[in-house]
Amino acid sequence: MIVDSNDFGQEILGKSDEIAFTEQKLKAMIQDNPAGQGQQCTPFVLIRKKA
């Protein structure tokens, strides 16, 4: 999924059709701001299924 997520909120910009979770569940998964950024930067984060 492609998201804009920081300390202020999460917005899902796009996602693979293979992702079976609802948008609400996906937002909950990234709610804790896993990249740790605030307003100062836009990192790339790869989230994938555990092997």
PDB file of N, CA and C in Angstrom:
ATOM      1  N   MET A   1       0.838  -1.172   0.000  1.00  0.00           N
ATOM      2  CA  MET A   1       0.000   0.000   0.000  1.00  0.00           C
ATOM      3  C   MET A   1       0.881   1.232   0.000  1.00  0.00           C
ATOM      4  N   ILE A   2       0.363   2.296  -0.520  1.00  0.00           N
ATOM      5  CA  ILE A   2       1.050   3.583  -0.542  1.00  0.00           C
ATOM      6  C   ILE A   2       0.263   4.494   0.392  1.00  0.00           C
ATOM      7  N   VAL A   3       0.961   5.023   1.401  1.00  0.00           N
ATOM      8  CA  VAL A   3       0.267   5.822   2.408  1.00  0.00           C
ATOM      9  C   VAL A   3       0.991   7.135   2.676  1.00  0.00           C
ATOM     10  N   ASP A   4       0.256   8.068   3.201  1.00  0.00           N
ATOM     11  CA  ASP A   4       0.802   9.288   3.779  1.00  0.00           C
ATOM     12  C   ASP A   4       0.465   9.179   5.258  1.00  0.00           C
ATOM     13  N   SER A   5       1.449   8.840   6.078  1.00  0.00           N
ATOM     14  CA  SER A   5       1.203   8.560   7.480  1.00  0.00           C
ATOM     15  C   SER A   5       2.252   9.250   8.337  1.00  0.00           C
ATOM     16  N   ASN A   6       1.783   9.931   9.375  1.00  0.00           N
ATOM     17  CA  ASN A   6       2.694  10.567  10.322  1.00  0.00           C
ATOM     18  C   ASN A   6       1.991  10.677  11.666  1.00  0.00           C
ATOM     19  N   ASP A   7       2.518  11.525  12.545  1.00  0.00           N
ATOM     20  CA  ASP A   7       1.929  11.682  13.877  1.00  0.00           C
ATOM     21  C   ASP A   7       0.526  12.277  13.845  1.00  0.00           C
ATOM     22  N   PHE A   8       0.139  12.872  12.724  1.00  0.00           N
ATOM     23  CA  PHE A   8      -1.130  13.597  12.640  1.00  0.00           C
ATOM     24  C   PHE A   8      -2.254  12.804  11.990  1.00  0.00           C
ATOM     25  N   GLY A   9      -1.954  11.671  11.375  1.00  0.00           N
ATOM     26  CA  GLY A   9      -2.994  10.866  10.753  1.00  0.00           C
ATOM     27  C   GLY A   9      -2.449   9.967   9.664  1.00  0.00           C
ATOM     28  N   GLN A  10      -3.334   9.165   9.095  1.00  0.00           N
ATOM     29  CA  GLN A  10      -2.965   8.224   8.055  1.00  0.00           C
ATOM     30  C   GLN A  10      -3.947   8.360   6.893  1.00  0.00           C
ATOM     31  N   GLU A  11      -3.391   8.381   5.692  1.00  0.00           N
ATOM     32  CA  GLU A  11      -4.210   8.404   4.483  1.00  0.00           C
ATOM     33  C   GLU A  11      -3.672   7.335   3.542  1.00  0.00           C
ATOM     34  N   ILE A  12      -4.515   6.425   3.124  1.00  0.00           N
ATOM     35  CA  ILE A  12      -4.115   5.384   2.182  1.00  0.00           C
ATOM     36  C   ILE A  12      -4.339   5.918   0.782  1.00  0.00           C
ATOM     37  N   LEU A  13      -3.257   6.037   0.023  1.00  0.00           N
ATOM     38  CA  LEU A  13      -3.315   6.606  -1.324  1.00  0.00           C
ATOM     39  C   LEU A  13      -3.548   5.534  -2.376  1.00  0.00           C
ATOM     40  N   GLY A  14      -3.169   4.302  -2.082  1.00  0.00           N
ATOM     41  CA  GLY A  14      -3.364   3.191  -3.011  1.00  0.00           C
ATOM     42  C   GLY A  14      -2.933   1.904  -2.353  1.00  0.00           C
ATOM     43  N   LYS A  15      -3.426   0.774  -2.864  1.00  0.00           N
ATOM     44  CA  LYS A  15      -3.032  -0.523  -2.321  1.00  0.00           C
ATOM     45  C   LYS A  15      -3.254  -1.608  -3.353  1.00  0.00           C
ATOM     46  N   SER A  16      -2.556  -2.695  -3.172  1.00  0.00           N
ATOM     47  CA  SER A  16      -2.701  -3.852  -4.043  1.00  0.00           C
ATOM     48  C   SER A  16      -4.077  -4.482  -3.839  1.00  0.00           C
ATOM     49  N   ASP A  17      -4.656  -4.981  -4.889  1.00  0.00           N
ATOM     50  CA  ASP A  17      -5.933  -5.693  -4.781  1.00  0.00           C
ATOM     51  C   ASP A  17      -5.791  -6.997  -4.002  1.00  0.00           C
ATOM     52  N   GLU A  18      -4.562  -7.471  -3.843  1.00  0.00           N
ATOM     53  CA  GLU A  18      -4.315  -8.714  -3.109  1.00  0.00           C
ATOM     54  C   GLU A  18      -4.387  -8.526  -1.596  1.00  0.00           C
ATOM     55  N   ILE A  19      -4.425  -7.296  -1.122  1.00  0.00           N
ATOM     56  CA  ILE A  19      -4.534  -7.026   0.313  1.00  0.00           C
ATOM     57  C   ILE A  19      -5.990  -7.210   0.720  1.00  0.00           C
ATOM     58  N   ALA A  20      -6.228  -8.151   1.631  1.00  0.00           N
ATOM     59  CA  ALA A  20      -7.597  -8.513   1.994  1.00  0.00           C
ATOM     60  C   ALA A  20      -8.151  -7.688   3.159  1.00  0.00           C
ATOM     61  N   PHE A  21      -7.340  -6.825   3.763  1.00  0.00           N
ATOM     62  CA  PHE A  21      -7.796  -6.051   4.910  1.00  0.00           C
ATOM     63  C   PHE A  21      -8.591  -4.827   4.481  1.00  0.00           C
ATOM     64  N   THR A  22      -9.494  -4.392   5.358  1.00  0.00           N
ATOM     65  CA  THR A  22     -10.260  -3.170   5.096  1.00  0.00           C
ATOM     66  C   THR A  22      -9.345  -1.954   5.262  1.00  0.00           C
ATOM     67  N   GLU A  23      -9.773  -0.825   4.726  1.00  0.00           N
ATOM     68  CA  GLU A  23      -8.997   0.405   4.870  1.00  0.00           C
ATOM     69  C   GLU A  23      -8.853   0.775   6.343  1.00  0.00           C
ATOM     70  N   GLN A  24      -9.903   0.556   7.122  1.00  0.00           N
ATOM     71  CA  GLN A  24      -9.858   0.854   8.560  1.00  0.00           C
ATOM     72  C   GLN A  24      -8.793   0.003   9.259  1.00  0.00           C
ATOM     73  N   LYS A  25      -8.712  -1.288   8.933  1.00  0.00           N
ATOM     74  CA  LYS A  25      -7.719  -2.184   9.535  1.00  0.00           C
ATOM     75  C   LYS A  25      -6.306  -1.775   9.106  1.00  0.00           C
ATOM     76  N   LEU A  26      -6.128  -1.425   7.840  1.00  0.00           N
ATOM     77  CA  LEU A  26      -4.808  -1.008   7.358  1.00  0.00           C
ATOM     78  C   LEU A  26      -4.344   0.254   8.075  1.00  0.00           C
ATOM     79  N   LYS A  27      -5.245   1.213   8.258  1.00  0.00           N
ATOM     80  CA  LYS A  27      -4.888   2.438   8.980  1.00  0.00           C
ATOM     81  C   LYS A  27      -4.506   2.122  10.422  1.00  0.00           C
ATOM     82  N   ALA A  28      -5.211   1.181  11.034  1.00  0.00           N
ATOM     83  CA  ALA A  28      -4.894   0.786  12.410  1.00  0.00           C
ATOM     84  C   ALA A  28      -3.497   0.166  12.495  1.00  0.00           C
ATOM     85  N   MET A  29      -3.091  -0.563  11.454  1.00  0.00           N
ATOM     86  CA  MET A  29      -1.774  -1.212  11.439  1.00  0.00           C
ATOM     87  C   MET A  29      -0.631  -0.195  11.430  1.00  0.00           C
ATOM     88  N   ILE A  30      -0.862   0.978  10.862  1.00  0.00           N
ATOM     89  CA  ILE A  30       0.210   1.973  10.757  1.00  0.00           C
ATOM     90  C   ILE A  30      -0.044   3.182  11.655  1.00  0.00           C
ATOM     91  N   GLN A  31      -1.027   3.081  12.529  1.00  0.00           N
ATOM     92  CA  GLN A  31      -1.410   4.196  13.385  1.00  0.00           C
ATOM     93  C   GLN A  31      -0.269   4.661  14.285  1.00  0.00           C
ATOM     94  N   ASP A  32       0.605   3.755  14.694  1.00  0.00           N
ATOM     95  CA  ASP A  32       1.693   4.128  15.603  1.00  0.00           C
ATOM     96  C   ASP A  32       2.875   4.768  14.888  1.00  0.00           C
ATOM     97  N   ASN A  33       2.685   5.130  13.605  1.00  0.00           N
ATOM     98  CA  ASN A  33       3.715   5.845  12.843  1.00  0.00           C
ATOM     99  C   ASN A  33       5.016   5.034  12.783  1.00  0.00           C
ATOM    100  N   PRO A  34       5.016   3.876  12.128  1.00  0.00           N
ATOM    101  CA  PRO A  34       6.191   2.990  12.138  1.00  0.00           C
ATOM    102  C   PRO A  34       7.464   3.604  11.569  1.00  0.00           C
ATOM    103  N   ALA A  35       7.352   4.617  10.740  1.00  0.00           N
ATOM    104  CA  ALA A  35       8.557   5.259  10.200  1.00  0.00           C
ATOM    105  C   ALA A  35       9.118   6.312  11.148  1.00  0.00           C
ATOM    106  N   GLY A  36       8.314   6.734  12.120  1.00  0.00           N
ATOM    107  CA  GLY A  36       8.779   7.651  13.136  1.00  0.00           C
ATOM    108  C   GLY A  36       8.936   9.097  12.704  1.00  0.00           C
ATOM    109  N   GLN A  37       8.431   9.464  11.548  1.00  0.00           N
ATOM    110  CA  GLN A  37       8.608  10.840  11.082  1.00  0.00           C
ATOM    111  C   GLN A  37       7.509  11.748  11.611  1.00  0.00           C
ATOM    112  N   GLY A  38       7.800  13.024  11.638  1.00  0.00           N
ATOM    113  CA  GLY A  38       6.810  14.053  11.944  1.00  0.00           C
ATOM    114  C   GLY A  38       6.499  14.793  10.666  1.00  0.00           C
ATOM    115  N   GLN A  39       6.632  16.099  10.675  1.00  0.00           N
ATOM    116  CA  GLN A  39       6.362  16.897   9.484  1.00  0.00           C
ATOM    117  C   GLN A  39       7.608  17.103   8.636  1.00  0.00           C
ATOM    118  N   GLN A  40       8.773  16.674   9.108  1.00  0.00           N
ATOM    119  CA  GLN A  40      10.020  17.068   8.467  1.00  0.00           C
ATOM    120  C   GLN A  40      10.493  16.187   7.309  1.00  0.00           C
ATOM    121  N   CYS A  41       9.971  14.980   7.145  1.00  0.00           N
ATOM    122  CA  CYS A  41      10.501  14.121   6.078  1.00  0.00           C
ATOM    123  C   CYS A  41       9.463  13.116   5.610  1.00  0.00           C
ATOM    124  N   THR A  42       9.730  12.500   4.481  1.00  0.00           N
ATOM    125  CA  THR A  42       8.832  11.505   3.906  1.00  0.00           C
ATOM    126  C   THR A  42       9.632  10.245   3.577  1.00  0.00           C
ATOM    127  N   PRO A  43       9.791   9.337   4.529  1.00  0.00           N
ATOM    128  CA  PRO A  43      10.563   8.117   4.273  1.00  0.00           C
ATOM    129  C   PRO A  43       9.748   7.097   3.493  1.00  0.00           C
ATOM    130  N   PHE A  44      10.461   6.148   2.918  1.00  0.00           N
ATOM    131  CA  PHE A  44       9.830   4.997   2.278  1.00  0.00           C
ATOM    132  C   PHE A  44       9.928   3.824   3.245  1.00  0.00           C
ATOM    133  N   VAL A  45       8.855   3.094   3.414  1.00  0.00           N
ATOM    134  CA  VAL A  45       8.838   1.940   4.298  1.00  0.00           C
ATOM    135  C   VAL A  45       8.244   0.775   3.523  1.00  0.00           C
ATOM    136  N   LEU A  46       8.907  -0.347   3.548  1.00  0.00           N
ATOM    137  CA  LEU A  46       8.420  -1.571   2.913  1.00  0.00           C
ATOM    138  C   LEU A  46       7.808  -2.441   4.003  1.00  0.00           C
ATOM    139  N   ILE A  47       6.526  -2.758   3.835  1.00  0.00           N
ATOM    140  CA  ILE A  47       5.831  -3.644   4.763  1.00  0.00           C
ATOM    141  C   ILE A  47       5.431  -4.862   3.969  1.00  0.00           C
ATOM    142  N   ARG A  48       5.847  -6.027   4.458  1.00  0.00           N
ATOM    143  CA  ARG A  48       5.507  -7.257   3.729  1.00  0.00           C
ATOM    144  C   ARG A  48       5.204  -8.388   4.691  1.00  0.00           C
ATOM    145  N   LYS A  49       4.629  -9.447   4.141  1.00  0.00           N
ATOM    146  CA  LYS A  49       4.254 -10.607   4.917  1.00  0.00           C
ATOM    147  C   LYS A  49       5.506 -11.289   5.449  1.00  0.00           C
ATOM    148  N   LYS A  50       5.442 -11.757   6.675  1.00  0.00           N
ATOM    149  CA  LYS A  50       6.562 -12.507   7.244  1.00  0.00           C
ATOM    150  C   LYS A  50       6.729 -13.813   6.488  1.00  0.00           C
ATOM    151  N   ALA A  51       7.980 -14.191   6.290  1.00  0.00           N
ATOM    152  CA  ALA A  51       8.265 -15.441   5.577  1.00  0.00           C
ATOM    153  C   ALA A  51       8.146 -16.634   6.489  1.00  0.00           C
TER     154      ALA A  51
END
